[in-house]
Amino acid sequence: MRLNQATVPCTDYAASVAFYTTLGLVQIVDSPPRYARFECPAGDGGEPATFSLHHVEGWPGADDPLVYFEVDDLDAEYERLVAAGLSFISSPVDQSWKWREAYLRDPAGNRVCLYQAGDMRRFPPWRIDASVQEK
């Protein structure tokens, strides 16, 4: 299991995108006003992590931060964790954005997504063309 993405809520899409771009994150998905994804620099020569914004109304409290753990075989991991006594909000399901996801909550109520995405996390068909960003 690899931690490589966190998603936080935002109420002002443009301001949030500008903030994280200013911090040095590279925007790779732009779906205003609902969703943006960024790459974070990789440490120790590893693969870059991703960070996302998801627009929510009525913040604070309308949505919780969401932590993503990527697994190689979501169905096997789901079965292992259910056998270990964990309860899931949803079993593994294929999403329209090409990820397979299952959701659960930690003991404090924080949402956790286990997912399998492969290259779709960093290189979805709708990824922003780097040459367009440089202009």
N, C-alpha and C. Protein backbone atom coordinates (compact mmCIF):
# COMPACT_ATOMS: atom_id res chain seq x y z
N MET A 1 0.85 -1.17 0.00
CA MET A 1 0.00 0.00 0.00
C MET A 1 0.89 1.24 0.00
N ARG A 2 0.58 2.18 -0.91
CA ARG A 2 1.40 3.38 -1.06
C ARG A 2 0.53 4.63 -0.92
N LEU A 3 0.91 5.51 0.03
CA LEU A 3 0.23 6.79 0.12
C LEU A 3 0.77 7.66 -1.00
N ASN A 4 -0.11 8.13 -1.87
CA ASN A 4 0.37 8.98 -2.95
C ASN A 4 -0.63 10.03 -3.38
N GLN A 5 -1.72 10.16 -2.66
CA GLN A 5 -2.63 11.24 -3.01
C GLN A 5 -3.44 11.63 -1.79
N ALA A 6 -3.66 12.91 -1.65
CA ALA A 6 -4.62 13.45 -0.70
C ALA A 6 -5.53 14.39 -1.48
N THR A 7 -6.79 14.43 -1.10
CA THR A 7 -7.76 15.33 -1.71
C THR A 7 -8.33 16.21 -0.61
N VAL A 8 -8.33 17.51 -0.85
CA VAL A 8 -8.88 18.44 0.12
C VAL A 8 -10.01 19.22 -0.52
N PRO A 9 -10.99 19.64 0.29
CA PRO A 9 -12.08 20.43 -0.26
C PRO A 9 -11.64 21.86 -0.55
N CYS A 10 -12.32 22.50 -1.50
CA CYS A 10 -12.09 23.92 -1.77
C CYS A 10 -13.44 24.57 -2.06
N THR A 11 -13.52 25.86 -1.79
CA THR A 11 -14.75 26.59 -2.08
C THR A 11 -14.56 27.59 -3.22
N ASP A 12 -13.32 28.01 -3.47
CA ASP A 12 -13.01 28.93 -4.56
C ASP A 12 -11.97 28.23 -5.44
N TYR A 13 -12.45 27.61 -6.50
CA TYR A 13 -11.60 26.79 -7.36
C TYR A 13 -10.40 27.57 -7.89
N ALA A 14 -10.64 28.72 -8.49
CA ALA A 14 -9.55 29.50 -9.11
C ALA A 14 -8.52 29.92 -8.07
N ALA A 15 -8.97 30.39 -6.92
CA ALA A 15 -8.03 30.82 -5.88
C ALA A 15 -7.22 29.64 -5.35
N SER A 16 -7.84 28.49 -5.21
CA SER A 16 -7.13 27.32 -4.71
C SER A 16 -6.11 26.82 -5.73
N VAL A 17 -6.49 26.78 -7.01
CA VAL A 17 -5.55 26.38 -8.05
C VAL A 17 -4.36 27.33 -8.06
N ALA A 18 -4.62 28.63 -7.99
CA ALA A 18 -3.53 29.61 -7.99
C ALA A 18 -2.62 29.42 -6.78
N PHE A 19 -3.19 29.15 -5.63
CA PHE A 19 -2.41 28.94 -4.40
C PHE A 19 -1.46 27.76 -4.55
N TYR A 20 -1.98 26.61 -4.96
CA TYR A 20 -1.13 25.41 -5.04
C TYR A 20 -0.15 25.49 -6.19
N THR A 21 -0.50 26.19 -7.26
CA THR A 21 0.45 26.41 -8.34
C THR A 21 1.59 27.29 -7.86
N THR A 22 1.27 28.32 -7.08
CA THR A 22 2.28 29.20 -6.51
C THR A 22 3.21 28.44 -5.57
N LEU A 23 2.66 27.45 -4.85
CA LEU A 23 3.50 26.63 -3.98
C LEU A 23 4.51 25.79 -4.76
N GLY A 24 4.26 25.62 -6.06
CA GLY A 24 5.19 24.86 -6.89
C GLY A 24 4.65 23.54 -7.39
N LEU A 25 3.38 23.22 -7.09
CA LEU A 25 2.80 21.99 -7.61
C LEU A 25 2.47 22.19 -9.08
N VAL A 26 2.56 21.14 -9.86
CA VAL A 26 2.30 21.20 -11.30
C VAL A 26 0.90 20.65 -11.56
N GLN A 27 0.02 21.51 -12.08
CA GLN A 27 -1.35 21.07 -12.34
C GLN A 27 -1.37 20.13 -13.53
N ILE A 28 -2.02 18.96 -13.35
CA ILE A 28 -2.08 17.98 -14.44
C ILE A 28 -3.51 17.69 -14.88
N VAL A 29 -4.52 18.06 -14.07
CA VAL A 29 -5.92 17.92 -14.46
C VAL A 29 -6.64 19.21 -14.08
N ASP A 30 -7.41 19.74 -15.02
CA ASP A 30 -8.15 20.98 -14.81
C ASP A 30 -9.60 20.73 -15.20
N SER A 31 -10.47 20.61 -14.21
CA SER A 31 -11.88 20.37 -14.47
C SER A 31 -12.72 21.35 -13.65
N PRO A 32 -12.60 22.68 -13.98
CA PRO A 32 -13.30 23.68 -13.19
C PRO A 32 -14.81 23.56 -13.35
N PRO A 33 -15.57 23.91 -12.37
CA PRO A 33 -15.13 24.40 -11.06
C PRO A 33 -15.04 23.29 -10.02
N ARG A 34 -15.05 22.03 -10.47
CA ARG A 34 -15.20 20.91 -9.55
C ARG A 34 -13.91 20.26 -9.08
N TYR A 35 -12.92 20.07 -9.95
CA TYR A 35 -11.81 19.20 -9.60
C TYR A 35 -10.51 19.63 -10.27
N ALA A 36 -9.41 19.55 -9.53
CA ALA A 36 -8.07 19.79 -10.08
C ALA A 36 -7.13 18.78 -9.45
N ARG A 37 -6.15 18.33 -10.22
CA ARG A 37 -5.12 17.42 -9.69
C ARG A 37 -3.76 18.00 -10.03
N PHE A 38 -2.83 17.83 -9.10
CA PHE A 38 -1.47 18.33 -9.22
C PHE A 38 -0.49 17.20 -8.98
N GLU A 39 0.69 17.33 -9.56
CA GLU A 39 1.81 16.45 -9.20
C GLU A 39 2.68 17.18 -8.20
N CYS A 40 3.14 16.44 -7.21
CA CYS A 40 4.08 16.96 -6.23
C CYS A 40 5.45 16.39 -6.56
N PRO A 41 6.50 17.15 -6.37
CA PRO A 41 7.83 16.63 -6.68
C PRO A 41 8.12 15.33 -5.94
N ALA A 42 8.78 14.42 -6.61
CA ALA A 42 9.13 13.13 -6.01
C ALA A 42 10.35 13.29 -5.11
N GLY A 43 10.31 12.64 -3.98
CA GLY A 43 11.46 12.64 -3.09
C GLY A 43 12.27 11.39 -3.29
N ASP A 44 13.55 11.47 -3.09
CA ASP A 44 14.46 10.32 -3.17
C ASP A 44 14.34 9.56 -4.49
N GLY A 45 14.07 10.28 -5.58
CA GLY A 45 14.02 9.64 -6.89
C GLY A 45 12.80 8.78 -7.14
N GLY A 46 11.80 8.84 -6.25
CA GLY A 46 10.59 8.05 -6.42
C GLY A 46 9.62 8.69 -7.39
N GLU A 47 8.48 8.07 -7.53
CA GLU A 47 7.44 8.57 -8.41
C GLU A 47 6.73 9.75 -7.75
N PRO A 48 6.40 10.80 -8.50
CA PRO A 48 5.70 11.93 -7.91
C PRO A 48 4.36 11.52 -7.30
N ALA A 49 4.01 12.13 -6.20
CA ALA A 49 2.70 11.94 -5.60
C ALA A 49 1.73 12.93 -6.25
N THR A 50 0.44 12.73 -6.02
CA THR A 50 -0.55 13.66 -6.53
C THR A 50 -1.35 14.25 -5.38
N PHE A 51 -1.89 15.42 -5.62
CA PHE A 51 -2.68 16.17 -4.66
C PHE A 51 -3.86 16.74 -5.41
N SER A 52 -5.06 16.65 -4.84
CA SER A 52 -6.24 17.09 -5.57
C SER A 52 -7.09 18.06 -4.76
N LEU A 53 -7.83 18.87 -5.51
CA LEU A 53 -8.83 19.77 -4.95
C LEU A 53 -10.19 19.30 -5.45
N HIS A 54 -11.18 19.32 -4.56
CA HIS A 54 -12.54 18.97 -4.93
C HIS A 54 -13.45 20.06 -4.37
N HIS A 55 -14.17 20.72 -5.25
CA HIS A 55 -15.04 21.82 -4.84
C HIS A 55 -16.22 21.29 -4.02
N VAL A 56 -16.47 21.94 -2.89
CA VAL A 56 -17.62 21.60 -2.05
C VAL A 56 -18.32 22.88 -1.64
N GLU A 57 -19.61 22.81 -1.49
CA GLU A 57 -20.40 23.94 -1.02
C GLU A 57 -20.47 23.90 0.50
N GLY A 58 -20.50 25.05 1.12
CA GLY A 58 -20.75 25.12 2.54
C GLY A 58 -19.60 24.75 3.44
N TRP A 59 -18.39 24.77 2.95
CA TRP A 59 -17.25 24.47 3.80
C TRP A 59 -17.20 25.50 4.92
N PRO A 60 -16.90 25.24 6.16
CA PRO A 60 -16.35 23.98 6.66
C PRO A 60 -17.43 22.95 6.98
N GLY A 61 -17.03 21.73 6.98
CA GLY A 61 -17.87 20.63 7.41
C GLY A 61 -18.65 19.94 6.31
N ALA A 62 -18.66 20.49 5.07
CA ALA A 62 -19.44 19.87 4.01
C ALA A 62 -18.78 18.59 3.51
N ASP A 63 -17.48 18.52 3.66
CA ASP A 63 -16.75 17.34 3.18
C ASP A 63 -15.47 17.24 4.00
N ASP A 64 -14.97 16.05 4.13
CA ASP A 64 -13.74 15.81 4.88
C ASP A 64 -12.58 15.63 3.92
N PRO A 65 -11.36 15.90 4.39
CA PRO A 65 -10.21 15.50 3.57
C PRO A 65 -10.30 14.00 3.28
N LEU A 66 -9.76 13.59 2.19
CA LEU A 66 -9.83 12.21 1.76
C LEU A 66 -8.42 11.73 1.43
N VAL A 67 -7.99 10.66 2.07
CA VAL A 67 -6.65 10.11 1.86
C VAL A 67 -6.76 8.89 0.95
N TYR A 68 -5.88 8.83 -0.03
CA TYR A 68 -5.87 7.73 -1.00
C TYR A 68 -4.64 6.86 -0.80
N PHE A 69 -4.86 5.55 -0.74
CA PHE A 69 -3.77 4.58 -0.73
C PHE A 69 -3.92 3.71 -1.98
N GLU A 70 -2.87 3.70 -2.80
CA GLU A 70 -2.90 2.88 -4.00
C GLU A 70 -2.44 1.47 -3.66
N VAL A 71 -3.14 0.48 -4.20
CA VAL A 71 -2.78 -0.92 -4.01
C VAL A 71 -2.69 -1.57 -5.39
N ASP A 72 -1.89 -2.61 -5.48
CA ASP A 72 -1.71 -3.29 -6.76
C ASP A 72 -2.92 -4.13 -7.16
N ASP A 73 -3.58 -4.76 -6.16
CA ASP A 73 -4.74 -5.61 -6.42
C ASP A 73 -5.83 -5.25 -5.42
N LEU A 74 -6.71 -4.33 -5.81
CA LEU A 74 -7.72 -3.81 -4.90
C LEU A 74 -8.64 -4.91 -4.39
N ASP A 75 -9.07 -5.80 -5.25
CA ASP A 75 -10.01 -6.83 -4.82
C ASP A 75 -9.39 -7.75 -3.77
N ALA A 76 -8.15 -8.14 -3.96
CA ALA A 76 -7.47 -8.99 -2.98
C ALA A 76 -7.26 -8.25 -1.66
N GLU A 77 -6.90 -6.98 -1.73
CA GLU A 77 -6.70 -6.18 -0.52
C GLU A 77 -8.01 -5.99 0.22
N TYR A 78 -9.08 -5.74 -0.51
CA TYR A 78 -10.41 -5.61 0.08
C TYR A 78 -10.78 -6.89 0.83
N GLU A 79 -10.62 -8.02 0.19
CA GLU A 79 -10.95 -9.31 0.82
C GLU A 79 -10.10 -9.53 2.07
N ARG A 80 -8.83 -9.21 2.02
CA ARG A 80 -7.95 -9.36 3.18
C ARG A 80 -8.41 -8.52 4.35
N LEU A 81 -8.77 -7.26 4.06
CA LEU A 81 -9.18 -6.35 5.13
C LEU A 81 -10.56 -6.69 5.69
N VAL A 82 -11.48 -7.14 4.86
CA VAL A 82 -12.78 -7.59 5.35
C VAL A 82 -12.59 -8.81 6.26
N ALA A 83 -11.72 -9.73 5.84
CA ALA A 83 -11.44 -10.91 6.67
C ALA A 83 -10.79 -10.52 8.00
N ALA A 84 -10.08 -9.38 8.00
CA ALA A 84 -9.44 -8.90 9.23
C ALA A 84 -10.43 -8.13 10.11
N GLY A 85 -11.67 -7.96 9.65
CA GLY A 85 -12.69 -7.32 10.47
C GLY A 85 -13.00 -5.87 10.16
N LEU A 86 -12.40 -5.31 9.11
CA LEU A 86 -12.69 -3.92 8.77
C LEU A 86 -14.00 -3.84 7.99
N SER A 87 -14.75 -2.76 8.24
CA SER A 87 -16.01 -2.51 7.53
C SER A 87 -15.77 -1.42 6.49
N PHE A 88 -16.31 -1.63 5.32
CA PHE A 88 -16.16 -0.68 4.22
C PHE A 88 -17.47 0.08 3.99
N ILE A 89 -17.34 1.33 3.56
CA ILE A 89 -18.49 2.14 3.14
C ILE A 89 -18.97 1.62 1.79
N SER A 90 -18.01 1.25 0.93
CA SER A 90 -18.35 0.69 -0.38
C SER A 90 -17.32 -0.35 -0.78
N SER A 91 -17.79 -1.38 -1.42
CA SER A 91 -16.90 -2.40 -1.95
C SER A 91 -16.24 -1.87 -3.22
N PRO A 92 -15.24 -2.57 -3.76
CA PRO A 92 -14.56 -2.08 -4.97
C PRO A 92 -15.53 -1.87 -6.13
N VAL A 93 -15.38 -0.70 -6.78
CA VAL A 93 -16.23 -0.37 -7.92
C VAL A 93 -15.39 0.39 -8.95
N ASP A 94 -15.66 0.12 -10.22
CA ASP A 94 -15.00 0.84 -11.30
C ASP A 94 -15.64 2.21 -11.44
N GLN A 95 -14.81 3.25 -11.51
CA GLN A 95 -15.29 4.63 -11.63
C GLN A 95 -15.15 5.10 -13.08
N SER A 96 -15.91 6.14 -13.42
CA SER A 96 -15.88 6.67 -14.79
C SER A 96 -14.52 7.28 -15.13
N TRP A 97 -13.73 7.66 -14.11
CA TRP A 97 -12.41 8.25 -14.35
C TRP A 97 -11.33 7.17 -14.42
N LYS A 98 -11.74 5.91 -14.60
CA LYS A 98 -10.85 4.78 -14.89
C LYS A 98 -10.11 4.23 -13.66
N TRP A 99 -10.53 4.61 -12.47
CA TRP A 99 -9.96 4.04 -11.25
C TRP A 99 -10.93 3.00 -10.71
N ARG A 100 -10.41 2.06 -9.95
CA ARG A 100 -11.23 1.12 -9.19
C ARG A 100 -11.03 1.51 -7.74
N GLU A 101 -12.13 1.77 -7.01
CA GLU A 101 -12.04 2.33 -5.66
C GLU A 101 -12.94 1.59 -4.67
N ALA A 102 -12.51 1.61 -3.41
CA ALA A 102 -13.31 1.14 -2.28
C ALA A 102 -13.07 2.11 -1.13
N TYR A 103 -14.12 2.42 -0.37
CA TYR A 103 -14.03 3.43 0.69
C TYR A 103 -14.31 2.82 2.06
N LEU A 104 -13.59 3.35 3.05
CA LEU A 104 -13.83 3.01 4.45
C LEU A 104 -13.49 4.22 5.29
N ARG A 105 -13.75 4.13 6.58
CA ARG A 105 -13.41 5.22 7.51
C ARG A 105 -12.46 4.66 8.56
N ASP A 106 -11.55 5.53 8.99
CA ASP A 106 -10.66 5.14 10.08
C ASP A 106 -11.42 5.29 11.40
N PRO A 107 -10.82 4.88 12.52
CA PRO A 107 -11.55 4.95 13.80
C PRO A 107 -12.02 6.36 14.19
N ALA A 108 -11.36 7.41 13.67
CA ALA A 108 -11.77 8.77 13.97
C ALA A 108 -12.82 9.29 12.99
N GLY A 109 -13.19 8.50 12.00
CA GLY A 109 -14.20 8.91 11.04
C GLY A 109 -13.65 9.51 9.76
N ASN A 110 -12.34 9.59 9.60
CA ASN A 110 -11.75 10.14 8.38
C ASN A 110 -11.96 9.16 7.23
N ARG A 111 -12.27 9.72 6.05
CA ARG A 111 -12.48 8.87 4.88
C ARG A 111 -11.15 8.42 4.29
N VAL A 112 -11.11 7.15 3.91
CA VAL A 112 -9.93 6.55 3.29
C VAL A 112 -10.41 5.84 2.03
N CYS A 113 -9.68 6.06 0.93
CA CYS A 113 -9.98 5.37 -0.32
C CYS A 113 -8.81 4.46 -0.66
N LEU A 114 -9.11 3.19 -0.86
CA LEU A 114 -8.12 2.27 -1.42
C LEU A 114 -8.45 2.18 -2.90
N TYR A 115 -7.44 2.30 -3.74
CA TYR A 115 -7.74 2.33 -5.16
C TYR A 115 -6.64 1.66 -5.97
N GLN A 116 -7.01 1.34 -7.19
CA GLN A 116 -6.11 0.78 -8.18
C GLN A 116 -6.29 1.61 -9.44
N ALA A 117 -5.21 2.27 -9.89
CA ALA A 117 -5.34 3.16 -11.04
C ALA A 117 -4.23 3.00 -12.07
N GLY A 118 -3.11 2.46 -11.67
CA GLY A 118 -2.00 2.35 -12.61
C GLY A 118 -1.60 3.72 -13.14
N ASP A 119 -1.35 3.82 -14.43
CA ASP A 119 -0.94 5.08 -15.04
C ASP A 119 -2.04 6.12 -15.10
N MET A 120 -3.29 5.72 -14.87
CA MET A 120 -4.41 6.67 -14.97
C MET A 120 -4.34 7.76 -13.91
N ARG A 121 -3.62 7.53 -12.81
CA ARG A 121 -3.51 8.56 -11.77
C ARG A 121 -2.74 9.76 -12.30
N ARG A 122 -1.60 9.50 -12.93
CA ARG A 122 -0.76 10.60 -13.40
C ARG A 122 -0.94 10.90 -14.88
N PHE A 123 -1.43 9.96 -15.65
CA PHE A 123 -1.52 10.15 -17.10
C PHE A 123 -2.91 9.81 -17.64
N PRO A 124 -3.96 10.46 -17.11
CA PRO A 124 -5.29 10.20 -17.67
C PRO A 124 -5.40 10.83 -19.06
N PRO A 125 -6.35 10.38 -19.87
CA PRO A 125 -6.53 10.95 -21.20
C PRO A 125 -6.78 12.46 -21.16
N TRP A 126 -7.28 12.97 -20.08
CA TRP A 126 -7.61 14.40 -19.96
C TRP A 126 -6.50 15.20 -19.30
N ARG A 127 -5.31 14.63 -19.18
CA ARG A 127 -4.18 15.34 -18.59
C ARG A 127 -3.89 16.61 -19.39
N ILE A 128 -3.53 17.67 -18.68
CA ILE A 128 -3.17 18.94 -19.33
C ILE A 128 -1.88 18.74 -20.11
N ASP A 129 -1.85 19.19 -21.35
CA ASP A 129 -0.66 19.10 -22.19
C ASP A 129 0.39 20.08 -21.65
N ALA A 130 1.56 19.57 -21.30
CA ALA A 130 2.62 20.40 -20.72
C ALA A 130 3.02 21.53 -21.64
N SER A 131 2.96 21.34 -22.95
CA SER A 131 3.36 22.40 -23.88
C SER A 131 2.38 23.57 -23.82
N VAL A 132 1.13 23.30 -23.48
CA VAL A 132 0.13 24.37 -23.35
C VAL A 132 0.41 25.19 -22.10
N GLN A 133 0.84 24.53 -21.02
CA GLN A 133 1.13 25.22 -19.76
C GLN A 133 2.31 26.16 -19.87
N GLU A 134 3.26 25.83 -20.72
CA GLU A 134 4.48 26.62 -20.83
C GLU A 134 4.28 27.92 -21.61
N LYS A 135 3.18 28.08 -22.30
CA LYS A 135 2.95 29.28 -23.11
C LYS A 135 2.45 30.42 -22.29
